[in-house]
Amino acid sequence: MDRADAHERSAWAYNHRSQINDAQWQEMVKKDAALEARVKQLEAEKKGVKDADYMPAQFKDDPDLAYSDEYVDAVYNPEEIEEEGMGVGGWIAIIMIVLIVGGVIFFVFVKKWDY
């Protein structure tokens, strides 16, 4: 979106503000100090009506230009993210705890000791 002019950037930011996280928004405002004021002006003019499919004219014929190389690469070459779980060691620990607790219960409450 860096290649678009100020009007197109503000129109895009207005229409896609719900998809921009706070860190990205702050970075955009840091690069273009007047962006926030232009977006507020658009909010007042359009009364909250947004077009989620808005794309600046220069990107309509080739929408790939609107995305960074990293984003396009991630879309076409997704990496599987491993979920963190207990793993084998966690299950072994749970089994050991159950066995120890079971042994204590058995020897304290069940086993009849001869004195």
C-alpha atoms as a PDB file:
ATOM      1  CA  MET A   1       0.000   0.000   0.000  1.00  0.00           C
ATOM      2  CA  ASP A   2       3.083   2.248   0.165  1.00  0.00           C
ATOM      3  CA  ARG A   3       2.829   2.858  -3.579  1.00  0.00           C
ATOM      4  CA  ALA A   4      -0.646   4.410  -3.400  1.00  0.00           C
ATOM      5  CA  ASP A   5      -1.201   8.157  -3.050  1.00  0.00           C
ATOM      6  CA  ALA A   6      -2.478   9.719   0.196  1.00  0.00           C
ATOM      7  CA  HIS A   7      -6.149   9.742  -0.853  1.00  0.00           C
ATOM      8  CA  GLU A   8      -6.118   6.078  -1.883  1.00  0.00           C
ATOM      9  CA  ARG A   9      -4.243   5.076   1.301  1.00  0.00           C
ATOM     10  CA  SER A  10      -6.794   6.817   3.485  1.00  0.00           C
ATOM     11  CA  ALA A  11      -9.715   5.298   1.537  1.00  0.00           C
ATOM     12  CA  TRP A  12      -8.183   1.843   1.862  1.00  0.00           C
ATOM     13  CA  ALA A  13      -7.475   2.339   5.578  1.00  0.00           C
ATOM     14  CA  TYR A  14     -11.048   3.580   6.123  1.00  0.00           C
ATOM     15  CA  ASN A  15     -12.596   0.572   4.372  1.00  0.00           C
ATOM     16  CA  HIS A  16     -10.273  -2.005   5.941  1.00  0.00           C
ATOM     17  CA  ARG A  17      -9.745  -0.514   9.435  1.00  0.00           C
ATOM     18  CA  SER A  18     -11.403  -3.526  11.106  1.00  0.00           C
ATOM     19  CA  GLN A  19      -8.785  -5.799   9.513  1.00  0.00           C
ATOM     20  CA  ILE A  20      -5.787  -3.728  10.661  1.00  0.00           C
ATOM     21  CA  ASN A  21      -4.405  -4.535  14.107  1.00  0.00           C
ATOM     22  CA  ASP A  22      -3.318  -1.724  16.424  1.00  0.00           C
ATOM     23  CA  ALA A  23       0.422  -2.211  15.823  1.00  0.00           C
ATOM     24  CA  GLN A  24      -0.033  -2.010  12.040  1.00  0.00           C
ATOM     25  CA  TRP A  25      -2.291   1.039  12.432  1.00  0.00           C
ATOM     26  CA  GLN A  26       0.295   2.846  14.573  1.00  0.00           C
ATOM     27  CA  GLU A  27       2.998   2.049  12.002  1.00  0.00           C
ATOM     28  CA  MET A  28       0.810   3.422   9.191  1.00  0.00           C
ATOM     29  CA  VAL A  29       0.080   6.601  11.175  1.00  0.00           C
ATOM     30  CA  LYS A  30       3.799   7.007  11.947  1.00  0.00           C
ATOM     31  CA  LYS A  31       4.614   6.855   8.215  1.00  0.00           C
ATOM     32  CA  ASP A  32       1.752   9.206   7.274  1.00  0.00           C
ATOM     33  CA  ALA A  33       0.834  11.644  10.049  1.00  0.00           C
ATOM     34  CA  ALA A  34      -2.278  12.962   8.262  1.00  0.00           C
ATOM     35  CA  LEU A  35      -3.725   9.476   7.672  1.00  0.00           C
ATOM     36  CA  GLU A  36      -5.720   9.356  10.901  1.00  0.00           C
ATOM     37  CA  ALA A  37      -7.313  12.764  10.208  1.00  0.00           C
ATOM     38  CA  ARG A  38      -8.240  11.759   6.638  1.00  0.00           C
ATOM     39  CA  VAL A  39      -9.792   8.487   7.872  1.00  0.00           C
ATOM     40  CA  LYS A  40     -11.846  10.387  10.480  1.00  0.00           C
ATOM     41  CA  GLN A  41     -12.983  12.768   7.742  1.00  0.00           C
ATOM     42  CA  LEU A  42     -14.086   9.797   5.602  1.00  0.00           C
ATOM     43  CA  GLU A  43     -15.950   8.339   8.594  1.00  0.00           C
ATOM     44  CA  ALA A  44     -17.868  11.607   8.948  1.00  0.00           C
ATOM     45  CA  GLU A  45     -18.600  11.844   5.213  1.00  0.00           C
ATOM     46  CA  LYS A  46     -19.637   8.236   4.639  1.00  0.00           C
ATOM     47  CA  LYS A  47     -21.399   7.758   7.994  1.00  0.00           C
ATOM     48  CA  GLY A  48     -19.806   4.351   8.627  1.00  0.00           C
ATOM     49  CA  VAL A  49     -20.698   2.736   5.267  1.00  0.00           C
ATOM     50  CA  LYS A  50     -17.645   0.692   4.266  1.00  0.00           C
ATOM     51  CA  ASP A  51     -16.687  -1.405   1.251  1.00  0.00           C
ATOM     52  CA  ALA A  52     -14.721  -4.444   2.456  1.00  0.00           C
ATOM     53  CA  ASP A  53     -13.683  -5.187  -1.149  1.00  0.00           C
ATOM     54  CA  TYR A  54     -12.233  -1.719  -1.756  1.00  0.00           C
ATOM     55  CA  MET A  55      -9.016  -1.773  -3.761  1.00  0.00           C
ATOM     56  CA  PRO A  56      -7.199   1.321  -5.120  1.00  0.00           C
ATOM     57  CA  ALA A  57      -7.546   1.759  -8.886  1.00  0.00           C
ATOM     58  CA  GLN A  58      -3.860   1.084  -9.567  1.00  0.00           C
ATOM     59  CA  PHE A  59      -4.183  -2.390  -7.978  1.00  0.00           C
ATOM     60  CA  LYS A  60      -7.535  -3.475  -9.487  1.00  0.00           C
ATOM     61  CA  ASP A  61      -5.964  -5.063 -12.589  1.00  0.00           C
ATOM     62  CA  ASP A  62      -3.170  -6.740 -10.636  1.00  0.00           C
ATOM     63  CA  PRO A  63      -4.239  -7.183  -6.984  1.00  0.00           C
ATOM     64  CA  ASP A  64      -1.025  -9.087  -6.159  1.00  0.00           C
ATOM     65  CA  LEU A  65       0.748  -5.723  -6.105  1.00  0.00           C
ATOM     66  CA  ALA A  66      -1.296  -4.743  -3.039  1.00  0.00           C
ATOM     67  CA  TYR A  67       0.286  -7.473  -0.926  1.00  0.00           C
ATOM     68  CA  SER A  68       3.825  -7.758   0.374  1.00  0.00           C
ATOM     69  CA  ASP A  69       6.106 -10.490  -0.953  1.00  0.00           C
ATOM     70  CA  GLU A  70       6.090 -12.131   2.484  1.00  0.00           C
ATOM     71  CA  TYR A  71       2.292 -12.308   2.523  1.00  0.00           C
ATOM     72  CA  VAL A  72       2.068 -13.768  -0.987  1.00  0.00           C
ATOM     73  CA  ASP A  73       4.783 -16.302  -0.149  1.00  0.00           C
ATOM     74  CA  ALA A  74       2.924 -17.334   3.019  1.00  0.00           C
ATOM     75  CA  VAL A  75      -0.320 -17.813   1.075  1.00  0.00           C
ATOM     76  CA  TYR A  76       1.256 -19.951  -1.646  1.00  0.00           C
ATOM     77  CA  ASN A  77       3.685 -21.810   0.649  1.00  0.00           C
ATOM     78  CA  PRO A  78       1.928 -22.246   3.979  1.00  0.00           C
ATOM     79  CA  GLU A  79       3.949 -23.667   6.845  1.00  0.00           C
ATOM     80  CA  GLU A  80       2.267 -26.028   9.220  1.00  0.00           C
ATOM     81  CA  ILE A  81       2.398 -24.693  12.754  1.00  0.00           C
ATOM     82  CA  GLU A  82       2.872 -27.370  15.361  1.00  0.00           C
ATOM     83  CA  GLU A  83       0.595 -27.086  18.329  1.00  0.00           C
ATOM     84  CA  GLU A  84       2.252 -27.280  21.682  1.00  0.00           C
ATOM     85  CA  GLY A  85       1.131 -30.291  23.626  1.00  0.00           C
ATOM     86  CA  MET A  86       2.319 -32.459  26.461  1.00  0.00           C
ATOM     87  CA  GLY A  87       4.284 -34.807  24.281  1.00  0.00           C
ATOM     88  CA  VAL A  88       5.467 -38.238  25.376  1.00  0.00           C
ATOM     89  CA  GLY A  89       7.226 -36.927  28.487  1.00  0.00           C
ATOM     90  CA  GLY A  90       4.035 -35.307  29.738  1.00  0.00           C
ATOM     91  CA  TRP A  91       2.050 -38.519  29.363  1.00  0.00           C
ATOM     92  CA  ILE A  92       4.764 -40.542  31.122  1.00  0.00           C
ATOM     93  CA  ALA A  93       4.695 -38.040  33.995  1.00  0.00           C
ATOM     94  CA  ILE A  94       0.898 -38.339  34.298  1.00  0.00           C
ATOM     95  CA  ILE A  95       1.085 -42.150  34.318  1.00  0.00           C
ATOM     96  CA  MET A  96       3.815 -42.074  36.982  1.00  0.00           C
ATOM     97  CA  ILE A  97       1.795 -39.715  39.187  1.00  0.00           C
ATOM     98  CA  VAL A  98      -1.302 -41.917  38.872  1.00  0.00           C
ATOM     99  CA  LEU A  99       0.742 -45.022  39.767  1.00  0.00           C
ATOM    100  CA  ILE A 100       2.341 -43.342  42.789  1.00  0.00           C
ATOM    101  CA  VAL A 101      -0.969 -41.979  44.083  1.00  0.00           C
ATOM    102  CA  GLY A 102      -2.601 -45.373  43.475  1.00  0.00           C
ATOM    103  CA  GLY A 103       0.229 -47.124  45.350  1.00  0.00           C
ATOM    104  CA  VAL A 104      -0.070 -44.789  48.327  1.00  0.00           C
ATOM    105  CA  ILE A 105      -3.856 -45.294  48.464  1.00  0.00           C
ATOM    106  CA  PHE A 106      -3.405 -49.069  48.219  1.00  0.00           C
ATOM    107  CA  PHE A 107      -0.760 -49.322  50.946  1.00  0.00           C
ATOM    108  CA  VAL A 108      -2.477 -46.884  53.320  1.00  0.00           C
ATOM    109  CA  PHE A 109      -6.144 -47.855  52.971  1.00  0.00           C
ATOM    110  CA  VAL A 110      -6.370 -51.314  51.384  1.00  0.00           C
ATOM    111  CA  LYS A 111      -3.397 -53.488  52.418  1.00  0.00           C
ATOM    112  CA  LYS A 112      -3.814 -55.245  55.723  1.00  0.00           C
ATOM    113  CA  TRP A 113      -0.566 -55.059  57.668  1.00  0.00           C
ATOM    114  CA  ASP A 114       0.369 -57.791  60.171  1.00  0.00           C
ATOM    115  CA  TYR A 115       1.785 -56.324  63.380  1.00  0.00           C
END
